[in-house]
Structures are given as structure tokens and as C-alpha cells.
Amino acid sequence: MISVRFAPTVHGEGDAGFISVVARTARRRGASVYTGESGNRWPAVHRSDAARLVLLGFENAPAGTILHAVAEEGVPVRQIAEALADRLGVWAQSAPAEQVADEIPFVGRYLAGDFPATSTKTRDLLGWAPVGPTLLDDIAAGHYDQP
């Protein structure tokens, strides 16, 4: 048995996770928000890379292994907000952490934190090398345009 710890954002076309919630909120309020200067980082992995890792893990990882499905160790939250704002045609703006937590259901409180994560050991163990689009690429491609 192996365990896989996924990045908080597993993204790709049709994603209905955290970034979709942030995008819906940005459309509703007319602004994509981040906290403070937002040096906060949010790890991400494209779903195709995550799927390849799970398969590699089942095939090659020793029992008891914990794998980290993280392609991007920390995408700056401000860059995520700005990319969504550009794509959705809304403002990007800084807001107090409490306001962000109140306005973005469930996800807002996490956007105020800094959550870098690494997959160095996973990559070394299995030779896994993520090749899928980045989170910012998926935002720019319009995967979060629809409500």
C-alpha cells in the first residue's frame, strides 16, 4: 500500500476545485482578491501529472511509501489572482485576510497562508517529472472562465 498526498490544487480542464471557487467569487464580486502583498504560495499539479504519478507509485513504489503529487512547489497567490483577473476581466486587489476568508467559501482562509510543498523525494524515487501545463497556463487557457 502507498499513500499519495496531492497538492491542494489539482488542476486541468473541467476542474471544479479550489481555483474554480476563487474564480466564481471573482466573477461575482468583480475583483480577484489576494491577501496583503501576497508572498503566499499555493502548490499545484496538473491532473495528468498526478495520474501518471499514481500509476508509477502503484507499479514501482515500495509498500508504505508516501508520495507527494506536487509539480509547482508554490505558485504565488497574487499571481493566481492577477491571472484570474486578466482572464475574467475583473480587478485584482489586495484585501485583509479576514475579508478574503469571509468572501471566498472554504478556500479563502487558506489563501492567506503560505503552503509551499515539495516533491523532490518522490521525483528522485520514481523518476517522476511533471510535464503538464502549469496552473497559470490553465487559467490563461480559459479553464476557469465558466461559472
N, C-alpha and C. Protein backbone atom coordinates (compact mmCIF):
# COMPACT_ATOMS: atom_id res chain seq x y z
N MET A 1 0.84 -1.17 0.00
CA MET A 1 0.00 0.00 0.00
C MET A 1 0.89 1.24 0.00
N ILE A 2 0.49 2.23 -0.78
CA ILE A 2 1.18 3.52 -0.82
C ILE A 2 0.17 4.60 -0.49
N SER A 3 0.69 5.77 -0.14
CA SER A 3 -0.16 6.94 0.09
C SER A 3 0.31 8.04 -0.85
N VAL A 4 -0.64 8.79 -1.38
CA VAL A 4 -0.31 9.92 -2.25
C VAL A 4 -0.91 11.17 -1.63
N ARG A 5 -0.06 12.15 -1.38
CA ARG A 5 -0.50 13.45 -0.87
C ARG A 5 -0.54 14.39 -2.06
N PHE A 6 -1.75 14.82 -2.41
CA PHE A 6 -1.92 15.70 -3.57
C PHE A 6 -1.77 17.16 -3.16
N ALA A 7 -1.24 17.96 -4.10
CA ALA A 7 -1.21 19.41 -3.90
C ALA A 7 -2.65 19.89 -3.70
N PRO A 8 -2.85 20.98 -2.96
CA PRO A 8 -4.22 21.48 -2.76
C PRO A 8 -4.95 21.77 -4.06
N THR A 9 -4.21 22.12 -5.11
CA THR A 9 -4.84 22.38 -6.40
C THR A 9 -4.37 21.35 -7.41
N VAL A 10 -5.29 20.46 -7.76
CA VAL A 10 -5.09 19.53 -8.87
C VAL A 10 -5.92 20.12 -10.00
N HIS A 11 -5.25 20.68 -10.99
CA HIS A 11 -5.95 21.49 -11.99
C HIS A 11 -5.95 20.85 -13.36
N GLY A 12 -6.82 21.37 -14.20
CA GLY A 12 -6.95 20.93 -15.59
C GLY A 12 -8.33 21.30 -16.07
N GLU A 13 -8.57 21.09 -17.35
CA GLU A 13 -9.87 21.43 -17.92
C GLU A 13 -10.98 20.69 -17.17
N GLY A 14 -12.03 21.41 -16.80
CA GLY A 14 -13.14 20.82 -16.07
C GLY A 14 -12.95 20.81 -14.56
N ASP A 15 -11.86 21.37 -14.07
CA ASP A 15 -11.59 21.43 -12.63
C ASP A 15 -12.72 22.14 -11.90
N ALA A 16 -13.21 21.52 -10.85
CA ALA A 16 -14.26 22.13 -10.03
C ALA A 16 -13.77 22.35 -8.61
N GLY A 17 -12.46 22.39 -8.41
CA GLY A 17 -11.88 22.50 -7.08
C GLY A 17 -11.67 23.93 -6.62
N PHE A 18 -10.62 24.13 -5.82
CA PHE A 18 -10.37 25.40 -5.15
C PHE A 18 -10.32 26.59 -6.10
N ILE A 19 -9.59 26.48 -7.19
CA ILE A 19 -9.43 27.63 -8.08
C ILE A 19 -10.75 27.98 -8.75
N SER A 20 -11.59 26.99 -9.01
CA SER A 20 -12.92 27.27 -9.54
C SER A 20 -13.74 28.10 -8.57
N VAL A 21 -13.62 27.81 -7.29
CA VAL A 21 -14.33 28.59 -6.26
C VAL A 21 -13.82 30.03 -6.25
N VAL A 22 -12.51 30.19 -6.33
CA VAL A 22 -11.91 31.53 -6.35
C VAL A 22 -12.39 32.29 -7.59
N ALA A 23 -12.42 31.62 -8.74
CA ALA A 23 -12.86 32.27 -9.98
C ALA A 23 -14.33 32.67 -9.90
N ARG A 24 -15.18 31.79 -9.39
CA ARG A 24 -16.62 32.13 -9.25
C ARG A 24 -16.80 33.34 -8.36
N THR A 25 -16.05 33.40 -7.28
CA THR A 25 -16.14 34.54 -6.36
C THR A 25 -15.66 35.81 -7.05
N ALA A 26 -14.59 35.72 -7.81
CA ALA A 26 -14.07 36.89 -8.53
C ALA A 26 -15.11 37.42 -9.51
N ARG A 27 -15.77 36.53 -10.23
CA ARG A 27 -16.81 36.97 -11.17
C ARG A 27 -17.95 37.65 -10.41
N ARG A 28 -18.36 37.05 -9.30
CA ARG A 28 -19.50 37.57 -8.54
C ARG A 28 -19.21 38.95 -7.96
N ARG A 29 -18.01 39.14 -7.43
CA ARG A 29 -17.72 40.41 -6.75
C ARG A 29 -17.01 41.43 -7.64
N GLY A 30 -16.60 41.02 -8.84
CA GLY A 30 -15.95 41.95 -9.77
C GLY A 30 -14.49 42.20 -9.46
N ALA A 31 -13.91 41.37 -8.62
CA ALA A 31 -12.49 41.50 -8.28
C ALA A 31 -11.95 40.15 -7.84
N SER A 32 -10.71 39.91 -8.21
CA SER A 32 -9.99 38.72 -7.79
C SER A 32 -9.05 39.16 -6.67
N VAL A 33 -9.22 38.58 -5.49
CA VAL A 33 -8.51 39.09 -4.32
C VAL A 33 -7.36 38.19 -3.88
N TYR A 34 -6.42 38.82 -3.22
CA TYR A 34 -5.30 38.15 -2.56
C TYR A 34 -5.06 38.91 -1.27
N THR A 35 -4.29 38.35 -0.37
CA THR A 35 -4.07 39.00 0.92
C THR A 35 -2.74 39.72 0.95
N GLY A 36 -2.74 40.92 1.54
CA GLY A 36 -1.52 41.69 1.72
C GLY A 36 -0.75 41.85 0.43
N GLU A 37 0.57 41.72 0.52
CA GLU A 37 1.42 41.74 -0.67
C GLU A 37 1.42 40.37 -1.34
N SER A 38 0.90 39.41 -0.62
CA SER A 38 0.73 38.03 -1.06
C SER A 38 2.00 37.39 -1.59
N GLY A 39 2.92 37.22 -0.67
CA GLY A 39 4.05 36.35 -0.92
C GLY A 39 3.63 34.92 -0.63
N ASN A 40 2.35 34.74 -0.30
CA ASN A 40 1.82 33.41 -0.01
C ASN A 40 1.90 32.55 -1.26
N ARG A 41 2.18 31.27 -1.05
CA ARG A 41 2.31 30.35 -2.17
C ARG A 41 1.34 29.19 -2.03
N TRP A 42 0.91 28.68 -3.19
CA TRP A 42 -0.09 27.63 -3.26
C TRP A 42 0.45 26.53 -4.18
N PRO A 43 0.72 25.32 -3.67
CA PRO A 43 1.23 24.24 -4.51
C PRO A 43 0.17 23.76 -5.51
N ALA A 44 0.62 23.24 -6.64
CA ALA A 44 -0.31 22.79 -7.66
C ALA A 44 0.28 21.63 -8.46
N VAL A 45 -0.61 20.88 -9.09
CA VAL A 45 -0.20 19.80 -10.00
C VAL A 45 -1.30 19.64 -11.05
N HIS A 46 -0.90 19.44 -12.29
CA HIS A 46 -1.88 19.16 -13.34
C HIS A 46 -2.39 17.74 -13.15
N ARG A 47 -3.67 17.54 -13.43
CA ARG A 47 -4.26 16.23 -13.16
C ARG A 47 -3.61 15.10 -13.96
N SER A 48 -3.12 15.38 -15.17
CA SER A 48 -2.45 14.33 -15.93
C SER A 48 -1.14 13.91 -15.27
N ASP A 49 -0.43 14.87 -14.70
CA ASP A 49 0.80 14.55 -13.96
C ASP A 49 0.49 13.76 -12.70
N ALA A 50 -0.57 14.15 -12.00
CA ALA A 50 -0.98 13.43 -10.79
C ALA A 50 -1.36 11.99 -11.13
N ALA A 51 -2.08 11.81 -12.22
CA ALA A 51 -2.48 10.46 -12.63
C ALA A 51 -1.27 9.59 -12.96
N ARG A 52 -0.29 10.18 -13.69
CA ARG A 52 0.92 9.43 -14.00
C ARG A 52 1.67 9.04 -12.74
N LEU A 53 1.70 9.94 -11.76
CA LEU A 53 2.39 9.63 -10.51
C LEU A 53 1.72 8.47 -9.77
N VAL A 54 0.40 8.49 -9.70
CA VAL A 54 -0.31 7.41 -9.02
C VAL A 54 0.01 6.07 -9.69
N LEU A 55 -0.01 6.05 -11.00
CA LEU A 55 0.31 4.82 -11.72
C LEU A 55 1.75 4.37 -11.45
N LEU A 56 2.70 5.32 -11.53
CA LEU A 56 4.09 4.99 -11.22
C LEU A 56 4.23 4.45 -9.80
N GLY A 57 3.50 5.07 -8.87
CA GLY A 57 3.55 4.62 -7.49
C GLY A 57 3.05 3.20 -7.32
N PHE A 58 1.91 2.89 -7.94
CA PHE A 58 1.37 1.53 -7.86
C PHE A 58 2.33 0.51 -8.45
N GLU A 59 2.98 0.89 -9.53
CA GLU A 59 3.87 -0.04 -10.23
C GLU A 59 5.25 -0.18 -9.59
N ASN A 60 5.76 0.90 -8.96
CA ASN A 60 7.17 0.90 -8.58
C ASN A 60 7.51 1.27 -7.14
N ALA A 61 6.62 1.88 -6.41
CA ALA A 61 6.96 2.35 -5.06
C ALA A 61 6.87 1.20 -4.06
N PRO A 62 7.82 1.14 -3.15
CA PRO A 62 7.76 0.13 -2.09
C PRO A 62 6.54 0.35 -1.19
N ALA A 63 6.05 -0.72 -0.62
CA ALA A 63 4.92 -0.62 0.31
C ALA A 63 5.25 0.36 1.42
N GLY A 64 4.26 1.14 1.81
CA GLY A 64 4.44 2.12 2.88
C GLY A 64 4.97 3.46 2.42
N THR A 65 5.22 3.61 1.13
CA THR A 65 5.76 4.86 0.60
C THR A 65 4.70 5.96 0.61
N ILE A 66 5.13 7.16 0.95
CA ILE A 66 4.27 8.35 0.86
C ILE A 66 4.81 9.19 -0.29
N LEU A 67 3.97 9.42 -1.28
CA LEU A 67 4.35 10.20 -2.45
C LEU A 67 3.70 11.57 -2.40
N HIS A 68 4.39 12.55 -2.94
CA HIS A 68 3.85 13.92 -2.99
C HIS A 68 3.60 14.29 -4.45
N ALA A 69 2.33 14.47 -4.80
CA ALA A 69 1.94 14.88 -6.15
C ALA A 69 1.94 16.40 -6.20
N VAL A 70 3.13 16.96 -6.37
CA VAL A 70 3.32 18.41 -6.42
C VAL A 70 4.23 18.72 -7.60
N ALA A 71 3.71 19.45 -8.58
CA ALA A 71 4.52 19.86 -9.73
C ALA A 71 5.10 21.24 -9.51
N GLU A 72 4.28 22.14 -8.95
CA GLU A 72 4.71 23.51 -8.67
C GLU A 72 4.72 23.69 -7.16
N GLU A 73 5.89 23.92 -6.61
CA GLU A 73 6.04 23.98 -5.15
C GLU A 73 5.26 25.11 -4.52
N GLY A 74 5.09 26.19 -5.24
CA GLY A 74 4.36 27.31 -4.66
C GLY A 74 4.11 28.40 -5.67
N VAL A 75 2.91 28.41 -6.24
CA VAL A 75 2.52 29.48 -7.15
C VAL A 75 2.10 30.66 -6.29
N PRO A 76 2.69 31.83 -6.45
CA PRO A 76 2.28 32.98 -5.64
C PRO A 76 0.78 33.27 -5.79
N VAL A 77 0.09 33.39 -4.67
CA VAL A 77 -1.35 33.64 -4.68
C VAL A 77 -1.67 34.93 -5.44
N ARG A 78 -0.82 35.91 -5.31
CA ARG A 78 -1.06 37.16 -6.04
C ARG A 78 -1.05 36.91 -7.55
N GLN A 79 -0.14 36.07 -8.04
CA GLN A 79 -0.11 35.75 -9.47
C GLN A 79 -1.37 35.01 -9.91
N ILE A 80 -1.87 34.14 -9.04
CA ILE A 80 -3.12 33.43 -9.35
C ILE A 80 -4.26 34.45 -9.47
N ALA A 81 -4.35 35.36 -8.50
CA ALA A 81 -5.40 36.38 -8.51
C ALA A 81 -5.29 37.27 -9.74
N GLU A 82 -4.08 37.67 -10.09
CA GLU A 82 -3.88 38.54 -11.25
C GLU A 82 -4.21 37.81 -12.56
N ALA A 83 -3.84 36.54 -12.65
CA ALA A 83 -4.14 35.76 -13.86
C ALA A 83 -5.65 35.59 -14.02
N LEU A 84 -6.35 35.30 -12.92
CA LEU A 84 -7.81 35.19 -12.98
C LEU A 84 -8.43 36.52 -13.36
N ALA A 85 -7.93 37.61 -12.77
CA ALA A 85 -8.47 38.94 -13.08
C ALA A 85 -8.30 39.25 -14.56
N ASP A 86 -7.11 39.00 -15.09
CA ASP A 86 -6.86 39.26 -16.52
C ASP A 86 -7.82 38.45 -17.39
N ARG A 87 -7.97 37.20 -17.06
CA ARG A 87 -8.79 36.30 -17.88
C ARG A 87 -10.28 36.63 -17.77
N LEU A 88 -10.72 36.98 -16.56
CA LEU A 88 -12.15 37.21 -16.32
C LEU A 88 -12.58 38.65 -16.55
N GLY A 89 -11.61 39.54 -16.77
CA GLY A 89 -11.94 40.94 -16.99
C GLY A 89 -12.41 41.66 -15.74
N VAL A 90 -11.82 41.30 -14.60
CA VAL A 90 -12.15 41.95 -13.33
C VAL A 90 -10.86 42.54 -12.75
N TRP A 91 -11.00 43.25 -11.65
CA TRP A 91 -9.84 43.83 -10.96
C TRP A 91 -9.14 42.76 -10.13
N ALA A 92 -7.84 42.94 -9.93
CA ALA A 92 -7.10 42.17 -8.93
C ALA A 92 -6.81 43.14 -7.80
N GLN A 93 -7.08 42.73 -6.58
CA GLN A 93 -6.83 43.65 -5.47
C GLN A 93 -6.48 42.90 -4.20
N SER A 94 -5.69 43.59 -3.39
CA SER A 94 -5.33 43.08 -2.07
C SER A 94 -6.48 43.36 -1.12
N ALA A 95 -6.72 42.43 -0.22
CA ALA A 95 -7.77 42.60 0.79
C ALA A 95 -7.28 41.97 2.09
N PRO A 96 -7.82 42.43 3.23
CA PRO A 96 -7.44 41.82 4.51
C PRO A 96 -7.78 40.32 4.53
N ALA A 97 -6.96 39.56 5.20
CA ALA A 97 -7.15 38.10 5.28
C ALA A 97 -8.55 37.74 5.76
N GLU A 98 -9.08 38.48 6.73
CA GLU A 98 -10.41 38.18 7.27
C GLU A 98 -11.48 38.36 6.20
N GLN A 99 -11.33 39.39 5.38
CA GLN A 99 -12.29 39.65 4.30
C GLN A 99 -12.24 38.54 3.26
N VAL A 100 -11.03 38.14 2.89
CA VAL A 100 -10.87 37.07 1.90
C VAL A 100 -11.49 35.78 2.44
N ALA A 101 -11.25 35.49 3.72
CA ALA A 101 -11.82 34.29 4.33
C ALA A 101 -13.34 34.33 4.33
N ASP A 102 -13.92 35.51 4.55
CA ASP A 102 -15.37 35.65 4.56
C ASP A 102 -15.98 35.56 3.17
N GLU A 103 -15.29 36.09 2.17
CA GLU A 103 -15.87 36.21 0.83
C GLU A 103 -15.71 34.98 -0.05
N ILE A 104 -14.68 34.19 0.19
CA ILE A 104 -14.45 33.02 -0.66
C ILE A 104 -14.73 31.77 0.18
N PRO A 105 -15.86 31.13 -0.08
CA PRO A 105 -16.27 29.99 0.73
C PRO A 105 -15.17 28.93 0.85
N PHE A 106 -14.92 28.50 2.05
CA PHE A 106 -13.98 27.45 2.42
C PHE A 106 -12.53 27.76 2.05
N VAL A 107 -12.27 28.21 0.84
CA VAL A 107 -10.91 28.38 0.34
C VAL A 107 -10.24 29.64 0.87
N GLY A 108 -11.01 30.69 1.13
CA GLY A 108 -10.46 31.99 1.48
C GLY A 108 -9.45 31.98 2.61
N ARG A 109 -9.74 31.24 3.65
CA ARG A 109 -8.81 31.23 4.79
C ARG A 109 -7.47 30.60 4.43
N TYR A 110 -7.47 29.70 3.47
CA TYR A 110 -6.22 29.07 3.06
C TYR A 110 -5.38 29.96 2.15
N LEU A 111 -6.04 30.85 1.42
CA LEU A 111 -5.29 31.75 0.53
C LEU A 111 -4.42 32.71 1.32
N ALA A 112 -4.73 32.91 2.58
CA ALA A 112 -3.93 33.81 3.43
C ALA A 112 -2.68 33.12 3.96
N GLY A 113 -2.60 31.80 3.82
CA GLY A 113 -1.45 31.07 4.33
C GLY A 113 -0.40 30.84 3.26
N ASP A 114 0.78 30.46 3.71
CA ASP A 114 1.88 30.13 2.81
C ASP A 114 2.11 28.63 2.92
N PHE A 115 1.82 27.89 1.86
CA PHE A 115 1.84 26.44 1.93
C PHE A 115 2.73 25.79 0.87
N PRO A 116 4.01 26.17 0.80
CA PRO A 116 4.86 25.52 -0.19
C PRO A 116 4.99 24.03 0.14
N ALA A 117 5.13 23.24 -0.90
CA ALA A 117 5.32 21.79 -0.72
C ALA A 117 6.28 21.32 -1.81
N THR A 118 6.99 20.27 -1.51
CA THR A 118 7.98 19.77 -2.46
C THR A 118 7.71 18.30 -2.80
N SER A 119 8.15 17.90 -3.96
CA SER A 119 8.05 16.50 -4.36
C SER A 119 9.43 15.94 -4.72
N THR A 120 10.47 16.55 -4.19
CA THR A 120 11.84 16.15 -4.53
C THR A 120 12.07 14.66 -4.27
N LYS A 121 11.68 14.18 -3.10
CA LYS A 121 11.91 12.76 -2.78
C LYS A 121 11.10 11.86 -3.70
N THR A 122 9.87 12.26 -4.01
CA THR A 122 9.03 11.49 -4.93
C THR A 122 9.66 11.43 -6.31
N ARG A 123 10.14 12.56 -6.79
CA ARG A 123 10.78 12.62 -8.11
C ARG A 123 12.03 11.74 -8.14
N ASP A 124 12.83 11.83 -7.08
CA ASP A 124 14.05 11.03 -7.00
C ASP A 124 13.74 9.53 -6.95
N LEU A 125 12.74 9.15 -6.18
CA LEU A 125 12.39 7.74 -6.01
C LEU A 125 11.87 7.12 -7.30
N LEU A 126 10.99 7.82 -7.99
CA LEU A 126 10.29 7.23 -9.13
C LEU A 126 10.70 7.78 -10.49
N GLY A 127 11.54 8.81 -10.50
CA GLY A 127 11.89 9.43 -11.77
C GLY A 127 10.73 10.21 -12.38
N TRP A 128 9.78 10.58 -11.54
CA TRP A 128 8.60 11.33 -12.00
C TRP A 128 9.01 12.75 -12.34
N ALA A 129 8.60 13.20 -13.51
CA ALA A 129 8.88 14.57 -13.94
C ALA A 129 7.60 15.15 -14.53
N PRO A 130 6.94 16.05 -13.82
CA PRO A 130 5.71 16.64 -14.33
C PRO A 130 5.95 17.36 -15.65
N VAL A 131 5.04 17.18 -16.59
CA VAL A 131 5.16 17.81 -17.91
C VAL A 131 3.90 18.57 -18.31
N GLY A 132 2.85 18.46 -17.52
CA GLY A 132 1.58 19.10 -17.85
C GLY A 132 1.66 20.61 -17.73
N PRO A 133 0.61 21.29 -18.19
CA PRO A 133 0.55 22.74 -18.08
C PRO A 133 0.62 23.19 -16.62
N THR A 134 1.13 24.39 -16.41
CA THR A 134 1.14 24.97 -15.06
C THR A 134 -0.26 25.47 -14.73
N LEU A 135 -0.46 25.80 -13.47
CA LEU A 135 -1.74 26.37 -13.05
C LEU A 135 -2.02 27.66 -13.80
N LEU A 136 -1.02 28.53 -13.91
CA LEU A 136 -1.22 29.79 -14.62
C LEU A 136 -1.50 29.56 -16.10
N ASP A 137 -0.91 28.52 -16.69
CA ASP A 137 -1.22 28.16 -18.08
C ASP A 137 -2.69 27.77 -18.21
N ASP A 138 -3.18 26.97 -17.28
CA ASP A 138 -4.59 26.54 -17.33
C ASP A 138 -5.55 27.71 -17.15
N ILE A 139 -5.18 28.64 -16.28
CA ILE A 139 -6.02 29.84 -16.12
C ILE A 139 -6.03 30.62 -17.44
N ALA A 140 -4.85 30.83 -18.02
CA ALA A 140 -4.74 31.59 -19.28
C ALA A 140 -5.46 30.89 -20.43
N ALA A 141 -5.55 29.57 -20.38
CA ALA A 141 -6.23 28.80 -21.42
C ALA A 141 -7.75 28.88 -21.30
N GLY A 142 -8.24 29.49 -20.23
CA GLY A 142 -9.69 29.67 -20.08
C GLY A 142 -10.41 28.56 -19.35
N HIS A 143 -9.68 27.69 -18.66
CA HIS A 143 -10.32 26.58 -17.96
C HIS A 143 -11.16 27.01 -16.76
N TYR A 144 -11.06 28.28 -16.37
CA TYR A 144 -11.84 28.77 -15.22
C TYR A 144 -12.78 29.90 -15.63
N ASP A 145 -13.05 30.01 -16.93
CA ASP A 145 -13.89 31.10 -17.43
C ASP A 145 -15.38 30.90 -17.12
N GLN A 146 -15.83 29.68 -17.12
CA GLN A 146 -17.27 29.42 -16.95
C GLN A 146 -17.66 29.36 -15.49
N PRO A 147 -18.86 29.86 -15.20
CA PRO A 147 -19.34 29.81 -13.80
C PRO A 147 -19.55 28.40 -13.30
